[in-house]
Amino acid sequence: MTRSKKRIILLSAIVILFITLTTPLTKISTVHLSYNDPLNESEILSVNEINDFMEVWSKFIKEGHYQKMTQISLSNDSQVPTSVISWLELEGWSAQRFFAVEQRLRFLVSVATLENGLEANIKLLKRSRNINISNIVETQKQKLSSLKYSSQELALVKENMYQISAVLDGKGIIE
């Protein structure tokens, strides 16, 4: 081997060692993890993607990027600031997928809340034959049957609904 090849190998080893030593242990498994592809309607969110999203969403709020997005939606400007796009890319997300996951999770939380309310109202209806509650139950059933969602995703969200809801609302932060 020539000297230049040995130097290139040595330099590569030093760079890899530096990256490994400076990456926190909790992040080593997700170094190459990225969510760049658009979220298809038929695609089902995984537990890992939901957890990764919630971690990044917490940082997103904590670092003030959410405030930039709020100002945009108030001004009816549909452009995502380049600083937000760059920040998301560094976190391993495309802006399109990130906000699609956010909207899907918000929708699933509302479906889970509706289902929980329906279950509670059915129990209440069984105890008292109130006609008003009966009407509410029928309305809730109709609304629920008109919604399109994945029961698999809904089950994942229901398992952690309060944590997901708190994180989305900026009341829960994941470190």
N, C-alpha and C. Protein backbone atom coordinates (compact mmCIF):
# COMPACT_ATOMS: atom_id res chain seq x y z
N MET A 1 0.83 -1.17 0.00
CA MET A 1 0.00 0.00 0.00
C MET A 1 0.88 1.24 0.00
N THR A 2 0.44 2.22 -0.73
CA THR A 2 1.23 3.45 -0.80
C THR A 2 0.94 4.30 0.43
N ARG A 3 1.81 5.25 0.62
CA ARG A 3 1.66 6.16 1.76
C ARG A 3 0.36 6.96 1.70
N SER A 4 -0.02 7.41 0.53
CA SER A 4 -1.25 8.21 0.40
C SER A 4 -2.49 7.38 0.75
N LYS A 5 -2.51 6.11 0.37
CA LYS A 5 -3.64 5.24 0.73
C LYS A 5 -3.69 5.03 2.24
N LYS A 6 -2.53 4.84 2.85
CA LYS A 6 -2.48 4.67 4.30
C LYS A 6 -2.99 5.92 5.01
N ARG A 7 -2.63 7.08 4.51
CA ARG A 7 -3.09 8.35 5.11
C ARG A 7 -4.60 8.51 4.97
N ILE A 8 -5.13 8.14 3.80
CA ILE A 8 -6.58 8.24 3.59
C ILE A 8 -7.32 7.31 4.55
N ILE A 9 -6.81 6.11 4.72
CA ILE A 9 -7.44 5.14 5.64
C ILE A 9 -7.35 5.66 7.07
N LEU A 10 -6.20 6.18 7.46
CA LEU A 10 -6.02 6.72 8.80
C LEU A 10 -6.95 7.90 9.04
N LEU A 11 -7.05 8.79 8.08
CA LEU A 11 -7.92 9.96 8.20
C LEU A 11 -9.39 9.53 8.30
N SER A 12 -9.78 8.55 7.50
CA SER A 12 -11.15 8.04 7.56
C SER A 12 -11.45 7.43 8.92
N ALA A 13 -10.51 6.67 9.44
CA ALA A 13 -10.69 6.05 10.76
C ALA A 13 -10.82 7.12 11.84
N ILE A 14 -10.04 8.16 11.74
CA ILE A 14 -10.11 9.25 12.74
C ILE A 14 -11.46 9.96 12.66
N VAL A 15 -11.95 10.22 11.45
CA VAL A 15 -13.25 10.88 11.28
C VAL A 15 -14.36 10.00 11.86
N ILE A 16 -14.36 8.72 11.55
CA ILE A 16 -15.38 7.80 12.08
C ILE A 16 -15.30 7.73 13.60
N LEU A 17 -14.10 7.66 14.14
CA LEU A 17 -13.92 7.64 15.59
C LEU A 17 -14.44 8.93 16.22
N PHE A 18 -14.16 10.06 15.61
CA PHE A 18 -14.63 11.35 16.13
C PHE A 18 -16.16 11.40 16.15
N ILE A 19 -16.77 10.99 15.06
CA ILE A 19 -18.24 11.00 14.98
C ILE A 19 -18.83 10.08 16.05
N THR A 20 -18.26 8.90 16.21
CA THR A 20 -18.75 7.95 17.20
C THR A 20 -18.60 8.49 18.61
N LEU A 21 -17.48 9.10 18.90
CA LEU A 21 -17.24 9.61 20.25
C LEU A 21 -18.07 10.85 20.58
N THR A 22 -18.42 11.63 19.59
CA THR A 22 -19.18 12.86 19.87
C THR A 22 -20.69 12.67 19.76
N THR A 23 -21.14 11.51 19.32
CA THR A 23 -22.57 11.24 19.22
C THR A 23 -23.06 10.66 20.55
N PRO A 24 -24.09 11.26 21.17
CA PRO A 24 -24.62 10.71 22.42
C PRO A 24 -25.09 9.27 22.21
N LEU A 25 -24.95 8.46 23.24
CA LEU A 25 -25.33 7.05 23.15
C LEU A 25 -26.78 6.86 22.74
N THR A 26 -27.65 7.74 23.19
CA THR A 26 -29.07 7.60 22.87
C THR A 26 -29.36 7.87 21.41
N LYS A 27 -28.41 8.50 20.71
CA LYS A 27 -28.63 8.86 19.31
C LYS A 27 -27.91 7.95 18.32
N ILE A 28 -27.04 7.07 18.81
CA ILE A 28 -26.25 6.26 17.89
C ILE A 28 -27.14 5.39 17.02
N SER A 29 -28.20 4.84 17.59
CA SER A 29 -29.07 3.95 16.80
C SER A 29 -29.88 4.71 15.76
N THR A 30 -30.02 6.02 15.91
CA THR A 30 -30.85 6.78 14.97
C THR A 30 -30.04 7.71 14.08
N VAL A 31 -28.72 7.48 13.99
CA VAL A 31 -27.88 8.38 13.20
C VAL A 31 -28.35 8.44 11.76
N HIS A 32 -28.67 7.31 11.16
CA HIS A 32 -29.06 7.29 9.76
C HIS A 32 -30.58 7.23 9.58
N LEU A 33 -31.30 7.43 10.66
CA LEU A 33 -32.76 7.39 10.60
C LEU A 33 -33.26 8.68 9.98
N SER A 34 -34.07 8.56 8.96
CA SER A 34 -34.63 9.77 8.38
C SER A 34 -36.00 9.49 7.80
N TYR A 35 -36.81 10.50 7.86
CA TYR A 35 -38.17 10.44 7.35
C TYR A 35 -38.29 11.48 6.25
N ASN A 36 -37.81 11.14 5.07
CA ASN A 36 -37.78 12.08 3.96
C ASN A 36 -38.93 11.89 2.99
N ASP A 37 -39.47 10.69 2.90
CA ASP A 37 -40.52 10.42 1.93
C ASP A 37 -41.85 11.01 2.40
N PRO A 38 -42.66 11.49 1.47
CA PRO A 38 -43.99 12.00 1.85
C PRO A 38 -44.81 10.88 2.49
N LEU A 39 -45.68 11.25 3.39
CA LEU A 39 -46.54 10.29 4.08
C LEU A 39 -47.75 10.00 3.20
N ASN A 40 -47.86 8.76 2.75
CA ASN A 40 -49.00 8.35 1.93
C ASN A 40 -50.21 8.13 2.83
N GLU A 41 -51.38 8.32 2.26
CA GLU A 41 -52.61 8.12 3.01
C GLU A 41 -52.74 6.69 3.50
N SER A 42 -52.26 5.74 2.68
CA SER A 42 -52.39 4.33 3.04
C SER A 42 -51.28 3.85 3.97
N GLU A 43 -50.24 4.65 4.13
CA GLU A 43 -49.11 4.26 4.98
C GLU A 43 -49.51 4.34 6.45
N ILE A 44 -49.12 3.33 7.20
CA ILE A 44 -49.45 3.27 8.63
C ILE A 44 -48.23 3.69 9.44
N LEU A 45 -48.45 4.60 10.37
CA LEU A 45 -47.37 5.06 11.23
C LEU A 45 -46.92 3.93 12.15
N SER A 46 -45.63 3.86 12.38
CA SER A 46 -45.10 2.84 13.30
C SER A 46 -44.90 3.46 14.68
N VAL A 47 -44.72 2.59 15.65
CA VAL A 47 -44.44 3.05 17.01
C VAL A 47 -43.17 3.89 17.01
N ASN A 48 -42.14 3.42 16.31
CA ASN A 48 -40.87 4.16 16.28
C ASN A 48 -41.03 5.54 15.67
N GLU A 49 -41.80 5.63 14.58
CA GLU A 49 -41.98 6.93 13.94
C GLU A 49 -42.75 7.88 14.85
N ILE A 50 -43.78 7.38 15.52
CA ILE A 50 -44.54 8.22 16.44
C ILE A 50 -43.63 8.71 17.57
N ASN A 51 -42.84 7.81 18.13
CA ASN A 51 -41.93 8.20 19.21
C ASN A 51 -40.87 9.20 18.73
N ASP A 52 -40.31 8.93 17.54
CA ASP A 52 -39.32 9.87 16.99
C ASP A 52 -39.95 11.23 16.72
N PHE A 53 -41.17 11.22 16.19
CA PHE A 53 -41.86 12.48 15.93
C PHE A 53 -42.06 13.26 17.23
N MET A 54 -42.52 12.56 18.27
CA MET A 54 -42.81 13.26 19.53
C MET A 54 -41.55 13.87 20.13
N GLU A 55 -40.43 13.18 19.98
CA GLU A 55 -39.17 13.72 20.48
C GLU A 55 -38.79 14.98 19.71
N VAL A 56 -38.90 14.93 18.39
CA VAL A 56 -38.54 16.09 17.57
C VAL A 56 -39.56 17.21 17.75
N TRP A 57 -40.85 16.87 17.88
CA TRP A 57 -41.88 17.89 18.10
C TRP A 57 -41.61 18.65 19.40
N SER A 58 -41.18 17.92 20.43
CA SER A 58 -40.84 18.57 21.70
C SER A 58 -39.71 19.58 21.52
N LYS A 59 -38.68 19.16 20.78
CA LYS A 59 -37.57 20.09 20.50
C LYS A 59 -38.06 21.26 19.65
N PHE A 60 -38.94 20.95 18.69
CA PHE A 60 -39.49 21.96 17.79
C PHE A 60 -40.16 23.07 18.58
N ILE A 61 -40.94 22.69 19.56
CA ILE A 61 -41.63 23.67 20.40
C ILE A 61 -40.63 24.36 21.33
N LYS A 62 -39.79 23.55 21.96
CA LYS A 62 -38.83 24.08 22.94
C LYS A 62 -37.89 25.11 22.32
N GLU A 63 -37.49 24.90 21.07
CA GLU A 63 -36.55 25.81 20.42
C GLU A 63 -37.23 26.97 19.70
N GLY A 64 -38.56 27.08 19.80
CA GLY A 64 -39.28 28.23 19.27
C GLY A 64 -39.68 28.16 17.81
N HIS A 65 -39.47 27.04 17.16
CA HIS A 65 -39.86 26.92 15.75
C HIS A 65 -41.38 26.91 15.58
N TYR A 66 -42.07 26.40 16.57
CA TYR A 66 -43.53 26.36 16.50
C TYR A 66 -44.10 27.77 16.41
N GLN A 67 -43.46 28.70 17.09
CA GLN A 67 -43.92 30.10 17.07
C GLN A 67 -43.82 30.67 15.66
N LYS A 68 -42.78 30.31 14.92
CA LYS A 68 -42.64 30.78 13.53
C LYS A 68 -43.78 30.25 12.68
N MET A 69 -44.16 29.00 12.91
CA MET A 69 -45.23 28.38 12.13
C MET A 69 -46.59 28.99 12.50
N THR A 70 -46.78 29.34 13.75
CA THR A 70 -48.03 29.98 14.18
C THR A 70 -48.18 31.32 13.49
N GLN A 71 -47.10 32.07 13.40
CA GLN A 71 -47.15 33.37 12.74
C GLN A 71 -47.51 33.21 11.27
N ILE A 72 -47.02 32.16 10.64
CA ILE A 72 -47.33 31.91 9.23
C ILE A 72 -48.80 31.58 9.06
N SER A 73 -49.32 30.69 9.91
CA SER A 73 -50.72 30.31 9.72
C SER A 73 -51.65 31.47 10.04
N LEU A 74 -51.22 32.39 10.86
CA LEU A 74 -52.06 33.57 11.13
C LEU A 74 -52.06 34.51 9.93
N SER A 75 -50.96 34.50 9.16
CA SER A 75 -50.87 35.40 8.01
C SER A 75 -51.34 34.74 6.71
N ASN A 76 -51.81 33.49 6.80
CA ASN A 76 -52.28 32.72 5.65
C ASN A 76 -51.20 32.48 4.61
N ASP A 77 -49.96 32.52 5.01
CA ASP A 77 -48.84 32.23 4.12
C ASP A 77 -48.53 30.74 4.25
N SER A 78 -48.54 30.03 3.15
CA SER A 78 -48.37 28.59 3.21
C SER A 78 -46.90 28.17 3.16
N GLN A 79 -45.99 29.12 3.09
CA GLN A 79 -44.58 28.78 3.00
C GLN A 79 -44.01 28.44 4.37
N VAL A 80 -43.26 27.35 4.42
CA VAL A 80 -42.54 27.00 5.64
C VAL A 80 -41.20 27.71 5.56
N PRO A 81 -40.82 28.44 6.61
CA PRO A 81 -39.54 29.16 6.58
C PRO A 81 -38.37 28.22 6.33
N THR A 82 -37.40 28.70 5.59
CA THR A 82 -36.24 27.87 5.28
C THR A 82 -35.49 27.46 6.55
N SER A 83 -35.53 28.30 7.57
CA SER A 83 -34.85 27.93 8.83
C SER A 83 -35.52 26.72 9.46
N VAL A 84 -36.85 26.63 9.35
CA VAL A 84 -37.58 25.47 9.88
C VAL A 84 -37.28 24.24 9.04
N ILE A 85 -37.27 24.40 7.72
CA ILE A 85 -36.97 23.27 6.83
C ILE A 85 -35.56 22.73 7.12
N SER A 86 -34.61 23.62 7.26
CA SER A 86 -33.22 23.21 7.53
C SER A 86 -33.12 22.51 8.88
N TRP A 87 -33.79 23.06 9.88
CA TRP A 87 -33.75 22.46 11.21
C TRP A 87 -34.34 21.05 11.18
N LEU A 88 -35.48 20.89 10.50
CA LEU A 88 -36.11 19.58 10.39
C LEU A 88 -35.22 18.59 9.65
N GLU A 89 -34.56 19.05 8.59
CA GLU A 89 -33.65 18.17 7.85
C GLU A 89 -32.50 17.69 8.73
N LEU A 90 -31.99 18.57 9.59
CA LEU A 90 -30.94 18.17 10.52
C LEU A 90 -31.45 17.14 11.52
N GLU A 91 -32.73 17.20 11.81
CA GLU A 91 -33.35 16.23 12.73
C GLU A 91 -33.77 14.95 12.01
N GLY A 92 -33.62 14.91 10.67
CA GLY A 92 -33.92 13.70 9.92
C GLY A 92 -35.33 13.64 9.35
N TRP A 93 -35.99 14.80 9.22
CA TRP A 93 -37.36 14.84 8.72
C TRP A 93 -37.49 15.81 7.56
N SER A 94 -38.33 15.45 6.61
CA SER A 94 -38.73 16.44 5.61
C SER A 94 -39.89 17.22 6.23
N ALA A 95 -39.99 18.47 5.90
CA ALA A 95 -41.07 19.30 6.48
C ALA A 95 -42.43 18.74 6.10
N GLN A 96 -42.56 18.26 4.87
CA GLN A 96 -43.85 17.73 4.42
C GLN A 96 -44.29 16.54 5.28
N ARG A 97 -43.39 15.60 5.50
CA ARG A 97 -43.74 14.42 6.30
C ARG A 97 -43.97 14.79 7.75
N PHE A 98 -43.13 15.65 8.29
CA PHE A 98 -43.23 16.06 9.69
C PHE A 98 -44.61 16.63 10.00
N PHE A 99 -45.05 17.57 9.16
CA PHE A 99 -46.34 18.19 9.42
C PHE A 99 -47.51 17.27 9.07
N ALA A 100 -47.29 16.33 8.14
CA ALA A 100 -48.32 15.34 7.84
C ALA A 100 -48.50 14.39 9.03
N VAL A 101 -47.40 14.01 9.66
CA VAL A 101 -47.49 13.15 10.85
C VAL A 101 -48.19 13.91 11.98
N GLU A 102 -47.84 15.18 12.11
CA GLU A 102 -48.51 15.99 13.15
C GLU A 102 -50.02 16.01 12.93
N GLN A 103 -50.44 16.29 11.70
CA GLN A 103 -51.88 16.36 11.41
C GLN A 103 -52.56 15.00 11.62
N ARG A 104 -51.88 13.93 11.21
CA ARG A 104 -52.46 12.60 11.40
C ARG A 104 -52.62 12.29 12.89
N LEU A 105 -51.61 12.62 13.68
CA LEU A 105 -51.71 12.35 15.12
C LEU A 105 -52.80 13.19 15.77
N ARG A 106 -52.92 14.45 15.37
CA ARG A 106 -54.00 15.29 15.92
C ARG A 106 -55.37 14.70 15.55
N PHE A 107 -55.51 14.24 14.32
CA PHE A 107 -56.75 13.62 13.88
C PHE A 107 -57.04 12.35 14.69
N LEU A 108 -56.04 11.51 14.87
CA LEU A 108 -56.23 10.27 15.62
C LEU A 108 -56.56 10.53 17.09
N VAL A 109 -55.99 11.56 17.66
CA VAL A 109 -56.33 11.93 19.04
C VAL A 109 -57.80 12.35 19.11
N SER A 110 -58.26 13.10 18.11
CA SER A 110 -59.68 13.52 18.12
C SER A 110 -60.60 12.30 17.92
N VAL A 111 -60.20 11.33 17.09
CA VAL A 111 -61.00 10.11 16.90
C VAL A 111 -61.03 9.32 18.21
N ALA A 112 -59.88 9.18 18.86
CA ALA A 112 -59.82 8.46 20.14
C ALA A 112 -60.68 9.14 21.20
N THR A 113 -60.66 10.46 21.22
CA THR A 113 -61.48 11.21 22.17
C THR A 113 -62.96 10.98 21.88
N LEU A 114 -63.33 10.98 20.62
CA LEU A 114 -64.71 10.71 20.22
C LEU A 114 -65.13 9.30 20.63
N GLU A 115 -64.26 8.32 20.38
CA GLU A 115 -64.57 6.94 20.78
C GLU A 115 -64.73 6.81 22.28
N ASN A 116 -63.83 7.45 23.03
CA ASN A 116 -63.93 7.40 24.49
C ASN A 116 -65.22 8.05 24.97
N GLY A 117 -65.59 9.17 24.37
CA GLY A 117 -66.85 9.84 24.73
C GLY A 117 -68.05 8.98 24.40
N LEU A 118 -68.01 8.31 23.26
CA LEU A 118 -69.10 7.42 22.86
C LEU A 118 -69.25 6.27 23.85
N GLU A 119 -68.13 5.65 24.22
CA GLU A 119 -68.18 4.55 25.19
C GLU A 119 -68.77 5.03 26.53
N ALA A 120 -68.35 6.20 26.99
CA ALA A 120 -68.87 6.74 28.25
C ALA A 120 -70.36 7.03 28.14
N ASN A 121 -70.79 7.57 27.01
CA ASN A 121 -72.21 7.89 26.83
C ASN A 121 -73.06 6.63 26.72
N ILE A 122 -72.53 5.58 26.11
CA ILE A 122 -73.27 4.31 26.04
C ILE A 122 -73.45 3.74 27.44
N LYS A 123 -72.44 3.79 28.26
CA LYS A 123 -72.55 3.33 29.66
C LYS A 123 -73.59 4.15 30.41
N LEU A 124 -73.56 5.46 30.19
CA LEU A 124 -74.52 6.35 30.84
C LEU A 124 -75.94 6.06 30.35
N LEU A 125 -76.09 5.78 29.10
CA LEU A 125 -77.40 5.48 28.51
C LEU A 125 -77.97 4.19 29.08
N LYS A 126 -77.11 3.22 29.33
CA LYS A 126 -77.57 1.94 29.91
C LYS A 126 -78.10 2.13 31.32
N ARG A 127 -77.52 3.09 32.06
CA ARG A 127 -77.98 3.35 33.42
C ARG A 127 -79.25 4.18 33.46
N SER A 128 -79.36 5.13 32.55
CA SER A 128 -80.56 5.97 32.51
C SER A 128 -81.02 6.11 31.07
N ARG A 129 -82.23 5.84 30.82
CA ARG A 129 -82.78 5.86 29.45
C ARG A 129 -83.15 7.29 29.03
N ASN A 130 -82.18 8.20 29.13
CA ASN A 130 -82.41 9.60 28.77
C ASN A 130 -82.39 9.74 27.24
N ILE A 131 -83.43 10.35 26.71
CA ILE A 131 -83.56 10.49 25.25
C ILE A 131 -82.48 11.41 24.68
N ASN A 132 -82.06 12.41 25.45
CA ASN A 132 -81.00 13.32 24.97
C ASN A 132 -79.68 12.57 24.80
N ILE A 133 -79.37 11.71 25.74
CA ILE A 133 -78.13 10.94 25.65
C ILE A 133 -78.22 9.97 24.48
N SER A 134 -79.39 9.43 24.24
CA SER A 134 -79.59 8.53 23.11
C SER A 134 -79.30 9.24 21.79
N ASN A 135 -79.76 10.47 21.67
CA ASN A 135 -79.50 11.27 20.46
C ASN A 135 -78.00 11.57 20.31
N ILE A 136 -77.36 11.86 21.42
CA ILE A 136 -75.92 12.14 21.40
C ILE A 136 -75.15 10.90 20.95
N VAL A 137 -75.54 9.74 21.48
CA VAL A 137 -74.88 8.48 21.12
C VAL A 137 -75.04 8.21 19.63
N GLU A 138 -76.21 8.40 19.10
CA GLU A 138 -76.44 8.17 17.67
C GLU A 138 -75.62 9.14 16.81
N THR A 139 -75.56 10.39 17.22
CA THR A 139 -74.76 11.38 16.49
C THR A 139 -73.28 11.00 16.51
N GLN A 140 -72.80 10.58 17.67
CA GLN A 140 -71.40 10.19 17.79
C GLN A 140 -71.10 8.95 16.94
N LYS A 141 -72.02 7.99 16.92
CA LYS A 141 -71.83 6.79 16.10
C LYS A 141 -71.77 7.15 14.62
N GLN A 142 -72.65 8.04 14.18
CA GLN A 142 -72.65 8.46 12.78
C GLN A 142 -71.35 9.16 12.41
N LYS A 143 -70.92 10.05 13.27
CA LYS A 143 -69.69 10.78 13.00
C LYS A 143 -68.51 9.82 12.94
N LEU A 144 -68.44 8.90 13.88
CA LEU A 144 -67.34 7.94 13.93
C LEU A 144 -67.33 7.04 12.70
N SER A 145 -68.50 6.64 12.24
CA SER A 145 -68.56 5.76 11.07
C SER A 145 -68.20 6.48 9.78
N SER A 146 -68.27 7.80 9.78
CA SER A 146 -67.94 8.56 8.57
C SER A 146 -66.45 8.88 8.47
N LEU A 147 -65.70 8.66 9.54
CA LEU A 147 -64.28 8.98 9.55
C LEU A 147 -63.45 7.83 9.02
N LYS A 148 -62.41 8.16 8.25
CA LYS A 148 -61.50 7.15 7.73
C LYS A 148 -60.19 7.21 8.52
N TYR A 149 -59.84 6.07 9.11
CA TYR A 149 -58.60 5.99 9.87
C TYR A 149 -58.19 4.53 9.98
N SER A 150 -56.94 4.33 10.33
CA SER A 150 -56.41 2.98 10.52
C SER A 150 -56.64 2.57 11.97
N SER A 151 -57.28 1.43 12.15
CA SER A 151 -57.53 0.96 13.52
C SER A 151 -56.21 0.63 14.21
N GLN A 152 -55.21 0.23 13.42
CA GLN A 152 -53.89 -0.07 13.98
C GLN A 152 -53.24 1.21 14.53
N GLU A 153 -53.29 2.28 13.76
CA GLU A 153 -52.75 3.56 14.22
C GLU A 153 -53.53 4.08 15.42
N LEU A 154 -54.84 3.94 15.36
CA LEU A 154 -55.68 4.41 16.45
C LEU A 154 -55.33 3.68 17.75
N ALA A 155 -55.10 2.38 17.65
CA ALA A 155 -54.72 1.61 18.84
C ALA A 155 -53.40 2.14 19.42
N LEU A 156 -52.44 2.46 18.55
CA LEU A 156 -51.16 3.00 19.02
C LEU A 156 -51.36 4.34 19.72
N VAL A 157 -52.21 5.17 19.14
CA VAL A 157 -52.44 6.49 19.73
C VAL A 157 -53.22 6.36 21.04
N LYS A 158 -54.20 5.46 21.08
CA LYS A 158 -54.99 5.30 22.30
C LYS A 158 -54.14 4.84 23.48
N GLU A 159 -53.13 4.02 23.20
CA GLU A 159 -52.24 3.54 24.26
C GLU A 159 -51.50 4.68 24.95
N ASN A 160 -51.19 5.72 24.20
CA ASN A 160 -50.42 6.86 24.73
C ASN A 160 -51.13 8.18 24.45
N MET A 161 -52.44 8.16 24.44
CA MET A 161 -53.19 9.33 24.00
C MET A 161 -52.90 10.59 24.80
N TYR A 162 -52.83 10.46 26.11
CA TYR A 162 -52.64 11.65 26.92
C TYR A 162 -51.23 12.22 26.75
N GLN A 163 -50.25 11.35 26.61
CA GLN A 163 -48.88 11.82 26.38
C GLN A 163 -48.78 12.47 25.00
N ILE A 164 -49.34 11.83 23.98
CA ILE A 164 -49.30 12.38 22.62
C ILE A 164 -50.02 13.72 22.58
N SER A 165 -51.17 13.79 23.20
CA SER A 165 -51.94 15.02 23.22
C SER A 165 -51.18 16.14 23.94
N ALA A 166 -50.56 15.79 25.05
CA ALA A 166 -49.80 16.80 25.81
C ALA A 166 -48.60 17.30 25.01
N VAL A 167 -47.92 16.40 24.34
CA VAL A 167 -46.75 16.81 23.54
C VAL A 167 -47.19 17.69 22.38
N LEU A 168 -48.26 17.28 21.68
CA LEU A 168 -48.75 18.09 20.55
C LEU A 168 -49.18 19.48 20.99
N ASP A 169 -49.74 19.57 22.19
CA ASP A 169 -50.20 20.88 22.71
C ASP A 169 -49.07 21.67 23.36
N GLY A 170 -47.88 21.09 23.40
CA GLY A 170 -46.73 21.79 24.01
C GLY A 170 -46.72 21.76 25.51
N LYS A 171 -47.55 20.91 26.10
CA LYS A 171 -47.61 20.81 27.56
C LYS A 171 -46.72 19.71 28.11
N GLY A 172 -46.33 18.80 27.24
CA GLY A 172 -45.44 17.71 27.62
C GLY A 172 -44.19 17.77 26.77
N ILE A 173 -43.08 17.70 27.39
CA ILE A 173 -41.80 17.77 26.66
C ILE A 173 -41.06 16.46 26.88
N ILE A 174 -40.55 15.90 25.80
CA ILE A 174 -39.77 14.68 25.87
C ILE A 174 -38.32 15.05 25.69
N GLU A 175 -37.50 14.59 26.59
CA GLU A 175 -36.06 14.90 26.52
C GLU A 175 -35.31 13.67 26.10
